[in-house]
Amino acid sequence: MDMTKEDFIVIDGSHGEGGGQIVRTSLSLAMLTGQPVKLVNIRRGRKKPGLRPQHLTAVQACGSVCNANISGAELGGRELSFTPGTIRAGNYEFNIGTAGAATLVLQAVLPPLAKTQGESSLVVTGGTHVPWSPPFHYLAEVFLPTIYRLGNVSEASLIRWGWYPKGGGTIKLNVQPESHTDPAFLDLPFEPKNIAGISASSHLPEHIRIRQKRQLQARLKGIGLEAKIELRDVPALNPGSFIFVRVQGSGPVAGFSALGARGKPAERVADEAADALLHFLDSGATLDHHLADQVLIYLAKIPGEYRLVTSSITKHLLTNAWVIEQFLPVRFEIMGGLGEPGTVVKRDG
């Protein structure tokens, strides 16, 4: 049957945070619900509005796994219509062609693929550790273990590192059918039990990653915390440096990272990650603010009322909650000011 304009849920891509997250969440939910969606004003307020390579790859990836009928999928496109078909488990490969975030492409197709009864494998080439996106280590060591508790059974492996600007990194994600759910941990007090991480670099002197490690450990030791940080010299197409620290709580897990840049001292890279970790611990929250908005779509699929406590109410969280409410019979009550610790209550109906 041909779809008319009235059959589509229309999503304003400039709403709230107004970024690519609206596109990714909308496509995931369209696939999960079978509901066609039309996106307008895509990334209207951005310096380069419309679909960029990373967003376009996400659209193409979503279209491939459900044989969707798509119009407007072009670089710079500001309107997109997406009519999903049947979601199919399988083996898929996608290449962004730039240093666009491979992790964000994977997050777009992960919820619908987990809904199938078969196993899937996804390989995405692009940026694996790049600005304004979750690095591979956050995806593998924080995000995936968290959504495992919410029913998603997935495992990620890093095939090649990819820094900005050349990219060329590759991530493989294996996705199993949905399993058990245990969302009760989302509002537990966070008590650090184990802290570990990595200080890595490519095509740079060894002292850079050593200084990153020493500074991070010194900052944490100042508040009585010990961290095991692994040093890694990793192959990549261009120079880059990175530090990541994972904190295992009594139930939840959190992660914090920073990227190096030309002229940016190694100590400042470490300080950025340390500051983020210390701010999180001071907030008394359960989930770091990145994780809070990323888990909403998984929480929305679980029947019942649940609470999560986040270190910061962000525009990303508010926007993602709004998009989900356009597709699913759920409501999010968000308590707390923008930029402050807060509580999110998810209710059905």
Protein backbone atom coordinates (compact mmCIF):
# COMPACT_ATOMS: atom_id res chain seq x y z
CA MET A 1 0.00 0.00 0.00
CA ASP A 2 1.33 3.46 -0.86
CA MET A 3 1.87 5.67 2.16
CA THR A 4 0.24 9.08 2.18
CA LYS A 5 1.67 12.16 3.86
CA GLU A 6 -0.72 11.66 6.79
CA ASP A 7 0.69 8.18 7.49
CA PHE A 8 4.08 9.59 8.43
CA ILE A 9 5.16 10.78 11.84
CA VAL A 10 6.75 14.15 11.12
CA ILE A 11 9.80 14.99 13.24
CA ASP A 12 11.29 18.48 13.31
CA GLY A 13 15.05 17.93 13.12
CA SER A 14 15.71 21.36 14.60
CA HIS A 15 13.85 20.59 17.83
CA GLY A 16 15.81 20.92 21.07
CA GLU A 17 19.44 19.95 20.61
CA GLY A 18 18.77 19.80 16.88
CA GLY A 19 21.57 17.42 15.91
CA GLY A 20 22.10 14.06 14.28
CA GLN A 21 20.79 12.21 17.30
CA ILE A 22 17.25 13.11 16.23
CA VAL A 23 17.86 11.37 12.90
CA ARG A 24 19.35 8.23 14.45
CA THR A 25 16.71 7.85 17.17
CA SER A 26 13.86 8.50 14.73
CA LEU A 27 15.09 5.84 12.32
CA SER A 28 15.62 3.29 15.10
CA LEU A 29 12.10 3.88 16.39
CA ALA A 30 10.58 3.80 12.90
CA MET A 31 12.12 0.37 12.44
CA LEU A 32 11.02 -0.88 15.87
CA THR A 33 7.43 0.29 15.43
CA GLY A 34 7.04 -0.15 11.66
CA GLN A 35 5.92 3.49 11.53
CA PRO A 36 7.05 5.60 8.55
CA VAL A 37 8.76 8.84 9.50
CA LYS A 38 9.48 12.12 7.76
CA LEU A 39 12.29 14.29 9.10
CA VAL A 40 12.32 17.99 8.26
CA ASN A 41 14.77 20.80 9.10
CA ILE A 42 17.55 18.26 9.64
CA ARG A 43 20.39 19.87 11.62
CA ARG A 44 19.09 23.28 10.54
CA GLY A 45 21.10 25.28 13.07
CA ARG A 46 24.45 23.59 12.47
CA LYS A 47 27.40 25.21 10.71
CA LYS A 48 27.00 22.59 7.98
CA PRO A 49 23.26 21.78 8.08
CA GLY A 50 21.64 18.67 6.67
CA LEU A 51 22.96 15.14 6.50
CA ARG A 52 26.73 14.76 6.81
CA PRO A 53 28.58 11.54 5.81
CA GLN A 54 28.14 9.92 9.24
CA HIS A 55 24.39 10.64 9.27
CA LEU A 56 24.00 9.50 5.69
CA THR A 57 25.75 6.22 6.47
CA ALA A 58 23.40 5.72 9.43
CA VAL A 59 20.41 6.26 7.12
CA GLN A 60 21.82 3.79 4.60
CA ALA A 61 22.60 1.27 7.35
CA CYS A 62 19.07 1.46 8.75
CA GLY A 63 17.64 1.17 5.28
CA SER A 64 19.73 -1.92 4.51
CA VAL A 65 18.73 -3.88 7.60
CA CYS A 66 14.99 -3.39 7.00
CA ASN A 67 14.77 -2.91 3.22
CA ALA A 68 13.31 0.56 3.73
CA ASN A 69 11.82 2.87 1.13
CA ILE A 70 13.84 6.10 1.48
CA SER A 71 13.75 9.48 -0.19
CA GLY A 72 16.01 12.45 0.50
CA ALA A 73 19.07 10.40 1.52
CA GLU A 74 21.74 12.67 0.10
CA LEU A 75 24.68 14.64 1.45
CA GLY A 76 23.39 17.93 2.80
CA GLY A 77 19.78 16.77 2.60
CA ARG A 78 17.46 18.53 5.07
CA GLU A 79 14.35 16.40 4.53
CA LEU A 80 14.16 12.63 4.67
CA SER A 81 11.30 10.15 4.33
CA PHE A 82 11.83 6.64 5.67
CA THR A 83 9.31 3.80 5.35
CA PRO A 84 10.67 0.69 7.08
CA GLY A 85 10.21 -2.86 5.90
CA THR A 86 10.95 -6.08 7.79
CA ILE A 87 14.06 -6.02 9.96
CA ARG A 88 16.47 -8.74 8.85
CA ALA A 89 19.29 -10.27 10.86
CA GLY A 90 22.46 -10.73 8.83
CA ASN A 91 26.02 -9.63 8.14
CA TYR A 92 26.43 -6.00 7.17
CA GLU A 93 29.36 -3.73 6.30
CA PHE A 94 29.29 0.07 6.02
CA ASN A 95 32.03 2.58 5.26
CA ILE A 96 31.47 6.22 6.26
CA GLY A 97 34.34 7.33 4.01
CA THR A 98 35.46 10.01 6.47
CA ALA A 99 36.38 10.19 10.16
CA GLY A 100 32.67 10.33 11.02
CA ALA A 101 31.81 8.39 14.15
CA ALA A 102 31.43 4.65 13.56
CA THR A 103 29.97 4.22 17.05
CA LEU A 104 27.00 6.47 16.26
CA VAL A 105 26.17 4.51 13.11
CA LEU A 106 26.20 1.32 15.17
CA GLN A 107 23.94 2.82 17.82
CA ALA A 108 21.32 3.64 15.19
CA VAL A 109 20.87 0.05 13.99
CA LEU A 110 21.49 -1.76 17.29
CA PRO A 111 17.99 -1.53 18.87
CA PRO A 112 16.09 -2.87 15.83
CA LEU A 113 18.59 -5.65 15.06
CA ALA A 114 18.29 -6.93 18.64
CA LYS A 115 14.56 -7.33 18.01
CA THR A 116 15.13 -10.07 15.42
CA GLN A 117 15.36 -13.77 16.24
CA GLY A 118 18.73 -14.21 14.55
CA GLU A 119 22.33 -13.18 15.14
CA SER A 120 23.82 -10.23 13.26
CA SER A 121 27.28 -8.90 12.54
CA LEU A 122 27.99 -5.27 11.69
CA VAL A 123 31.30 -3.85 10.50
CA VAL A 124 31.57 -0.06 10.26
CA THR A 125 34.62 1.84 9.01
CA GLY A 126 35.23 5.49 9.94
CA GLY A 127 36.33 7.30 13.07
CA THR A 128 36.66 5.18 16.20
CA HIS A 129 38.06 7.86 18.55
CA VAL A 130 36.93 11.26 17.30
CA PRO A 131 35.47 14.46 18.81
CA TRP A 132 31.78 14.87 19.71
CA SER A 133 31.01 11.16 19.78
CA PRO A 134 31.43 8.14 22.07
CA PRO A 135 34.81 6.49 21.49
CA PHE A 136 35.01 2.76 20.89
CA HIS A 137 36.10 2.09 24.47
CA TYR A 138 33.03 3.84 25.86
CA LEU A 139 30.80 1.83 23.54
CA ALA A 140 32.41 -1.50 24.46
CA GLU A 141 33.08 -1.03 28.18
CA VAL A 142 30.27 1.27 29.37
CA PHE A 143 27.36 1.45 26.93
CA LEU A 144 27.10 -2.23 25.94
CA PRO A 145 27.39 -3.60 29.51
CA THR A 146 24.67 -1.16 30.57
CA ILE A 147 22.18 -2.02 27.83
CA TYR A 148 22.90 -5.71 28.47
CA ARG A 149 21.04 -5.14 31.75
CA LEU A 150 18.22 -3.70 29.63
CA GLY A 151 17.92 -6.73 27.35
CA ASN A 152 20.47 -6.08 24.61
CA VAL A 153 23.15 -8.74 24.11
CA SER A 154 25.96 -7.34 21.98
CA GLU A 155 29.74 -7.47 21.85
CA ALA A 156 32.10 -5.04 20.11
CA SER A 157 35.67 -5.47 18.91
CA LEU A 158 38.11 -2.88 17.61
CA ILE A 159 39.71 -3.99 14.34
CA ARG A 160 41.59 -0.75 13.55
CA TRP A 161 41.90 2.62 15.27
CA GLY A 162 40.68 5.69 13.38
CA TRP A 163 41.47 9.27 14.46
CA TYR A 164 40.33 12.56 12.99
CA PRO A 165 40.90 13.65 10.20
CA LYS A 166 41.65 10.48 8.19
CA GLY A 167 39.49 7.95 9.99
CA GLY A 168 39.96 4.50 8.50
CA GLY A 169 39.20 2.75 11.78
CA THR A 170 36.95 -0.30 11.93
CA ILE A 171 34.59 -1.61 14.60
CA LYS A 172 32.82 -4.97 14.50
CA LEU A 173 29.63 -5.49 16.48
CA ASN A 174 27.97 -8.85 17.08
CA VAL A 175 24.28 -8.60 18.02
CA GLN A 176 22.23 -11.38 19.64
CA PRO A 177 18.44 -11.50 20.05
CA GLU A 178 17.05 -9.63 23.06
CA SER A 179 17.30 -11.37 26.41
CA HIS A 180 16.44 -10.69 30.07
CA THR A 181 15.97 -7.22 31.51
CA ASP A 182 17.08 -5.86 34.88
CA PRO A 183 16.57 -2.06 34.93
CA ALA A 184 16.45 -1.73 38.72
CA PHE A 185 20.08 -0.53 38.93
CA LEU A 186 19.42 2.81 37.21
CA ASP A 187 18.93 4.82 40.39
CA LEU A 188 21.34 3.05 42.76
CA PRO A 189 23.97 5.12 44.60
CA PHE A 190 27.26 4.96 42.68
CA GLU A 191 30.10 3.55 44.78
CA PRO A 192 33.42 3.18 42.88
CA LYS A 193 34.70 -0.38 43.14
CA ASN A 194 37.29 -0.63 40.38
CA ILE A 195 38.94 1.98 38.16
CA ALA A 196 40.92 1.07 35.04
CA GLY A 197 41.67 2.60 31.67
CA ILE A 198 43.96 3.14 28.75
CA SER A 199 46.38 5.84 27.58
CA ALA A 200 46.99 5.40 23.86
CA SER A 201 48.64 7.23 20.99
CA SER A 202 49.65 6.79 17.35
CA HIS A 203 52.69 8.22 15.55
CA LEU A 204 53.65 10.22 18.65
CA PRO A 205 56.51 10.00 21.19
CA GLU A 206 56.05 7.54 24.03
CA HIS A 207 56.31 10.26 26.66
CA ILE A 208 52.91 11.67 25.62
CA ARG A 209 50.92 8.61 26.64
CA ILE A 210 53.12 8.20 29.76
CA ARG A 211 52.40 11.79 30.82
CA GLN A 212 48.68 11.30 30.23
CA LYS A 213 48.73 8.23 32.46
CA ARG A 214 50.75 9.85 35.23
CA GLN A 215 48.58 12.95 35.36
CA LEU A 216 45.34 11.00 35.51
CA GLN A 217 46.63 8.71 38.23
CA ALA A 218 47.94 11.68 40.22
CA ARG A 219 44.57 13.46 40.03
CA LEU A 220 42.70 10.40 41.23
CA LYS A 221 45.22 9.60 43.94
CA GLY A 222 44.56 13.07 45.30
CA ILE A 223 41.07 11.94 46.31
CA GLY A 224 42.11 8.48 47.43
CA LEU A 225 41.38 6.54 44.25
CA GLU A 226 43.74 4.14 42.47
CA ALA A 227 43.52 3.52 38.74
CA LYS A 228 45.20 0.87 36.60
CA ILE A 229 46.00 2.54 33.27
CA GLU A 230 47.36 0.52 30.34
CA LEU A 231 49.78 2.16 27.88
CA ARG A 232 49.16 1.44 24.20
CA ASP A 233 51.03 2.46 21.06
CA VAL A 234 48.44 1.79 18.34
CA PRO A 235 48.66 1.79 14.53
CA ALA A 236 46.48 4.32 12.67
CA LEU A 237 46.46 6.42 9.51
CA ASN A 238 47.42 9.66 11.28
CA PRO A 239 48.66 10.84 14.69
CA GLY A 240 46.34 10.93 17.67
CA SER A 241 46.21 10.44 21.42
CA PHE A 242 43.49 9.35 23.80
CA ILE A 243 42.86 8.58 27.44
CA PHE A 244 39.93 6.64 28.85
CA VAL A 245 38.97 5.68 32.38
CA ARG A 246 36.22 3.21 33.29
CA VAL A 247 34.71 3.19 36.76
CA GLN A 248 32.81 0.12 37.90
CA GLY A 249 30.25 0.85 40.59
CA SER A 250 28.39 -1.56 42.81
CA GLY A 251 25.83 -1.92 40.02
CA PRO A 252 26.25 0.63 37.21
CA VAL A 253 29.38 1.58 35.27
CA ALA A 254 30.62 4.96 34.02
CA GLY A 255 33.34 6.08 31.61
CA PHE A 256 35.23 9.28 30.82
CA SER A 257 37.72 10.16 28.10
CA ALA A 258 39.58 12.92 26.31
CA LEU A 259 41.39 13.31 23.00
CA GLY A 260 44.71 14.95 22.30
CA ALA A 261 45.20 17.68 19.71
CA ARG A 262 48.08 19.61 18.22
CA GLY A 263 49.40 22.05 20.84
CA LYS A 264 47.35 20.48 23.65
CA PRO A 265 49.58 19.29 26.53
CA ALA A 266 49.27 15.65 27.56
CA GLU A 267 48.49 16.80 31.09
CA ARG A 268 45.48 18.77 29.88
CA VAL A 269 44.16 15.70 28.06
CA ALA A 270 44.33 13.74 31.31
CA ASP A 271 42.81 16.62 33.28
CA GLU A 272 39.74 16.69 31.02
CA ALA A 273 39.02 13.03 31.74
CA ALA A 274 39.77 13.45 35.45
CA ASP A 275 37.55 16.53 35.75
CA ALA A 276 34.66 14.69 34.11
CA LEU A 277 35.06 11.72 36.45
CA LEU A 278 35.29 13.87 39.58
CA HIS A 279 32.27 15.93 38.55
CA PHE A 280 30.29 12.72 38.10
CA LEU A 281 31.27 11.36 41.50
CA ASP A 282 30.43 14.69 43.16
CA SER A 283 26.96 14.69 41.56
CA GLY A 284 25.80 11.61 43.45
CA ALA A 285 24.27 10.27 40.23
CA THR A 286 23.98 6.72 38.93
CA LEU A 287 24.60 7.34 35.23
CA ASP A 288 26.96 9.79 33.54
CA HIS A 289 25.12 12.28 31.35
CA HIS A 290 26.10 10.64 28.05
CA LEU A 291 24.83 7.25 29.17
CA ALA A 292 21.57 8.68 30.48
CA ASP A 293 20.31 9.86 27.10
CA GLN A 294 21.67 6.83 25.26
CA VAL A 295 19.73 4.29 27.37
CA LEU A 296 16.33 5.99 27.06
CA ILE A 297 15.30 4.08 23.95
CA TYR A 298 16.09 0.76 25.66
CA LEU A 299 14.30 1.74 28.84
CA ALA A 300 11.26 2.87 26.86
CA LYS A 301 10.77 -0.64 25.48
CA ILE A 302 10.55 -2.25 28.94
CA PRO A 303 7.02 -2.23 30.47
CA GLY A 304 6.64 -0.53 33.82
CA GLU A 305 7.75 2.58 35.67
CA TYR A 306 11.48 3.11 36.18
CA ARG A 307 13.76 5.87 37.42
CA LEU A 308 17.27 6.85 36.46
CA VAL A 309 19.51 9.41 38.13
CA THR A 310 21.92 11.32 35.89
CA SER A 311 24.84 13.61 36.63
CA SER A 312 23.45 16.29 34.31
CA ILE A 313 20.20 17.08 32.51
CA THR A 314 21.34 17.82 28.96
CA LYS A 315 19.69 19.03 25.78
CA HIS A 316 20.54 15.65 24.28
CA LEU A 317 18.53 13.91 27.00
CA LEU A 318 15.56 16.26 26.69
CA THR A 319 15.56 15.94 22.91
CA ASN A 320 15.88 12.16 22.88
CA ALA A 321 13.02 11.85 25.37
CA TRP A 322 10.84 14.04 23.15
CA VAL A 323 11.59 11.97 20.03
CA ILE A 324 10.82 8.69 21.78
CA GLU A 325 7.48 10.06 22.99
CA GLN A 326 6.48 10.74 19.37
CA PHE A 327 6.69 7.02 18.56
CA LEU A 328 5.98 5.04 21.72
CA PRO A 329 3.18 5.19 24.33
CA VAL A 330 5.56 6.32 27.08
CA ARG A 331 6.18 9.56 28.95
CA PHE A 332 9.33 10.83 30.60
CA GLU A 333 9.10 13.07 33.64
CA ILE A 334 12.41 14.94 33.90
CA MET A 335 13.22 16.61 37.20
CA GLY A 336 16.21 18.94 37.48
CA GLY A 337 17.55 22.02 35.76
CA LEU A 338 19.55 22.04 32.54
CA GLY A 339 23.18 21.28 33.35
CA GLU A 340 22.33 20.05 36.84
CA PRO A 341 21.98 16.53 38.32
CA GLY A 342 18.48 15.19 37.86
CA THR A 343 16.05 12.29 37.82
CA VAL A 344 14.16 10.83 34.88
CA VAL A 345 11.00 8.79 35.49
CA LYS A 346 9.74 6.68 32.61
CA ARG A 347 6.03 5.82 32.66
CA ASP A 348 3.85 3.85 30.24
CA GLY A 349 0.79 5.35 28.58
